[in-house]
Amino acid sequence: MQTPITSNLVVITGGPGAGKTTLINHLHERGFDTSPEVARAIIEEQQERGGNALPWADNDAYAGLMYRRSIRAWQDAIQAHPRTVFCDRGLPDTLAHRQISGLDDDPGLHRAINTYRYHKMAFVLPPWSDIYKPDDARTQSFSDAVRTYVVLCRVYAQCGYDLIEVRKGSVEQRAAQILSRLKL
């Protein structure tokens, strides 16, 4: 049984390098509450500490940290109710990561996805080769980014979200698309 949709937590998702964080930062600069991406933070922390909970080392440990931190991010963001909070990814992203990586299914993750719900509309940024840039934390190829996008779209739909693709354009144009759909 699913917990009712939480209308104030709005997910912005997409494959790596699609402009999610730039868009989230822009919305924050415009005065909206935001919740940062946990996956990149985990990678950066693990690299800094010399840890191995990384997608290319102990991927299962990494996915476990994503799962727990995504719940904590949801719990922290829900405290802003009724203000809108734009979330840089959501719990379904962890499920997509597990599927892409070929990790075993996690029933606890499915329960969490059904419990910690976001706004019915989730926004997805499509792969965009012109802005894609790998770095120390983003090691995937552009073709991996495309594959991630496809899996994310399927997972969010399976989790009961209406996925809205945000067209390519300036950060201002992308923000306007989202705010218009949400009537904000």
Protein backbone atom coordinates (compact mmCIF):
# COMPACT_ATOMS: atom_id res chain seq x y z
CA MET A 1 0.00 0.00 0.00
CA GLN A 2 1.34 3.41 -0.95
CA THR A 3 1.45 6.39 1.34
CA PRO A 4 -0.35 9.39 -0.18
CA ILE A 5 1.66 11.58 -2.54
CA THR A 6 3.45 14.43 -0.79
CA SER A 7 2.65 17.47 -2.87
CA ASN A 8 5.47 19.72 -1.74
CA LEU A 9 8.46 17.48 -2.61
CA VAL A 10 9.16 17.73 -6.34
CA VAL A 11 11.78 15.44 -7.91
CA ILE A 12 14.04 16.56 -10.73
CA THR A 13 15.85 13.54 -12.14
CA GLY A 14 17.75 12.41 -15.21
CA GLY A 15 20.95 10.71 -16.19
CA PRO A 16 24.35 12.06 -15.23
CA GLY A 17 25.37 15.36 -16.77
CA ALA A 18 21.90 16.45 -17.93
CA GLY A 19 21.89 19.73 -15.95
CA LYS A 20 19.91 18.68 -12.84
CA THR A 21 22.18 20.28 -10.27
CA THR A 22 22.52 23.49 -12.29
CA LEU A 23 18.72 23.68 -12.47
CA ILE A 24 18.29 22.91 -8.74
CA ASN A 25 20.87 25.60 -7.88
CA HIS A 26 19.04 28.09 -10.12
CA LEU A 27 15.73 27.35 -8.38
CA HIS A 28 17.46 27.82 -5.01
CA GLU A 29 18.83 31.19 -6.16
CA ARG A 30 15.26 32.15 -7.08
CA GLY A 31 14.19 31.52 -3.48
CA PHE A 32 12.89 27.96 -3.61
CA ASP A 33 13.83 25.33 -1.07
CA THR A 34 16.01 22.55 -2.49
CA SER A 35 17.38 19.19 -1.44
CA PRO A 36 20.83 18.30 -2.85
CA GLU A 37 21.74 15.09 -4.63
CA VAL A 38 22.90 12.39 -2.22
CA ALA A 39 24.64 10.14 -4.79
CA ARG A 40 27.29 12.67 -5.79
CA ALA A 41 27.85 13.68 -2.15
CA ILE A 42 28.48 10.03 -1.26
CA ILE A 43 31.01 9.64 -4.08
CA GLU A 44 32.84 12.83 -3.09
CA GLU A 45 32.89 11.84 0.62
CA GLN A 46 34.12 8.32 -0.14
CA GLN A 47 36.86 9.65 -2.43
CA GLU A 48 37.93 12.19 0.20
CA ARG A 49 38.08 9.54 2.96
CA GLY A 50 39.56 6.80 0.81
CA GLY A 51 36.37 4.75 1.26
CA ASN A 52 35.22 2.02 -1.07
CA ALA A 53 31.41 2.57 -1.04
CA LEU A 54 31.66 3.68 -4.66
CA PRO A 55 29.85 2.48 -7.79
CA TRP A 56 33.14 1.17 -9.21
CA ALA A 57 34.34 -0.44 -5.95
CA ASP A 58 31.66 -1.73 -3.50
CA ASN A 59 28.55 -0.84 -5.47
CA ASP A 60 26.20 -2.62 -3.06
CA ALA A 61 27.52 -0.53 -0.14
CA TYR A 62 27.20 2.59 -2.29
CA ALA A 63 23.58 1.75 -3.18
CA GLY A 64 22.85 1.12 0.52
CA LEU A 65 24.17 4.57 1.40
CA MET A 66 22.08 6.08 -1.42
CA TYR A 67 18.99 4.37 -0.02
CA ARG A 68 19.52 5.53 3.58
CA ARG A 69 20.56 9.06 2.66
CA SER A 70 17.63 9.44 0.26
CA ILE A 71 15.24 8.62 3.10
CA ARG A 72 17.00 11.13 5.35
CA ALA A 73 16.84 13.78 2.58
CA TRP A 74 13.10 13.12 2.19
CA GLN A 75 12.58 13.42 5.95
CA ASP A 76 14.56 16.66 6.08
CA ALA A 77 12.69 18.12 3.08
CA ILE A 78 9.23 17.20 4.38
CA GLN A 79 9.81 19.52 7.32
CA ALA A 80 9.44 22.45 4.87
CA HIS A 81 5.76 21.56 4.36
CA PRO A 82 3.79 23.27 2.82
CA ARG A 83 6.62 25.05 0.92
CA THR A 84 7.74 23.43 -2.33
CA VAL A 85 11.10 21.65 -2.14
CA PHE A 86 12.89 20.70 -5.34
CA CYS A 87 14.75 17.42 -4.82
CA ASP A 88 17.85 16.58 -6.85
CA ARG A 89 16.82 12.96 -7.47
CA GLY A 90 14.55 10.75 -5.32
CA LEU A 91 14.33 7.23 -3.93
CA PRO A 92 13.33 5.72 -7.31
CA ASP A 93 16.77 6.80 -8.57
CA THR A 94 18.30 4.29 -6.14
CA LEU A 95 16.12 1.53 -7.58
CA ALA A 96 17.18 2.54 -11.10
CA HIS A 97 20.83 2.48 -10.02
CA ARG A 98 20.43 -1.02 -8.59
CA GLN A 99 18.80 -2.22 -11.83
CA ILE A 100 21.43 -0.61 -14.07
CA SER A 101 24.20 -2.11 -11.94
CA GLY A 102 22.67 -5.60 -11.87
CA LEU A 103 22.43 -5.57 -8.07
CA ASP A 104 19.95 -7.84 -6.31
CA ASP A 105 16.44 -6.55 -5.72
CA ASP A 106 15.95 -4.89 -2.32
CA PRO A 107 12.43 -5.36 -0.86
CA GLY A 108 13.17 -2.71 1.77
CA LEU A 109 13.84 -0.19 -0.99
CA HIS A 110 10.48 -1.00 -2.61
CA ARG A 111 8.74 -0.47 0.75
CA ALA A 112 10.56 2.84 1.20
CA ILE A 113 9.55 3.99 -2.30
CA ASN A 114 5.93 3.24 -1.41
CA THR A 115 6.24 5.04 1.93
CA TYR A 116 8.29 8.13 1.11
CA ARG A 117 6.29 9.66 -1.71
CA TYR A 118 6.95 12.81 -3.71
CA HIS A 119 4.74 15.08 -5.81
CA LYS A 120 2.84 13.07 -8.43
CA MET A 121 4.67 14.92 -11.20
CA ALA A 122 8.39 14.19 -11.40
CA PHE A 123 10.55 16.06 -13.89
CA VAL A 124 13.21 14.37 -15.99
CA LEU A 125 16.00 16.03 -17.91
CA PRO A 126 16.96 14.16 -21.09
CA PRO A 127 20.54 13.36 -22.01
CA TRP A 128 22.23 16.33 -23.66
CA SER A 129 25.60 15.67 -25.28
CA ASP A 130 26.41 19.41 -25.63
CA ILE A 131 26.54 19.91 -21.85
CA TYR A 132 27.68 16.43 -20.74
CA LYS A 133 31.09 16.51 -19.03
CA PRO A 134 32.62 13.63 -17.07
CA ASP A 135 34.58 14.47 -13.92
CA ASP A 136 36.03 12.70 -10.87
CA ALA A 137 32.55 11.83 -9.53
CA ARG A 138 30.79 11.42 -12.91
CA THR A 139 32.74 8.65 -14.61
CA GLN A 140 29.99 7.30 -16.88
CA SER A 141 30.17 7.67 -20.65
CA PHE A 142 27.49 9.62 -22.50
CA SER A 143 25.98 6.32 -23.70
CA ASP A 144 25.75 5.28 -20.01
CA ALA A 145 23.93 8.56 -19.33
CA VAL A 146 21.43 7.73 -22.09
CA ARG A 147 20.88 4.24 -20.68
CA THR A 148 20.39 5.70 -17.20
CA TYR A 149 17.77 8.10 -18.55
CA VAL A 150 15.82 5.23 -20.15
CA VAL A 151 15.87 3.15 -16.94
CA LEU A 152 14.92 6.16 -14.80
CA CYS A 153 11.90 6.87 -17.01
CA ARG A 154 10.73 3.26 -16.70
CA VAL A 155 11.31 3.09 -12.92
CA TYR A 156 9.52 6.37 -12.14
CA ALA A 157 6.53 5.26 -14.22
CA GLN A 158 6.47 1.87 -12.46
CA CYS A 159 6.58 3.69 -9.11
CA GLY A 160 3.42 5.62 -10.00
CA TYR A 161 4.81 9.01 -10.98
CA ASP A 162 3.80 11.13 -13.95
CA LEU A 163 7.15 11.84 -15.54
CA ILE A 164 7.39 15.18 -17.36
CA GLU A 165 10.35 15.65 -19.70
CA VAL A 166 11.94 19.09 -19.40
CA ARG A 167 12.98 20.32 -22.83
CA LYS A 168 16.57 21.34 -23.49
CA GLY A 169 17.19 25.05 -23.17
CA SER A 170 18.72 27.65 -20.90
CA VAL A 171 18.44 27.06 -17.17
CA GLU A 172 15.88 29.88 -17.04
CA GLN A 173 13.76 28.20 -19.74
CA ARG A 174 13.95 24.85 -17.98
CA ALA A 175 12.97 26.38 -14.65
CA ALA A 176 10.05 28.17 -16.33
CA GLN A 177 8.79 24.86 -17.76
CA ILE A 178 8.72 23.27 -14.32
CA LEU A 179 7.23 26.25 -12.51
CA SER A 180 4.54 26.58 -15.16
CA ARG A 181 3.53 22.90 -14.85
CA LEU A 182 3.37 23.26 -11.07
CA LYS A 183 1.56 26.61 -11.32
CA LEU A 184 4.19 28.28 -9.10
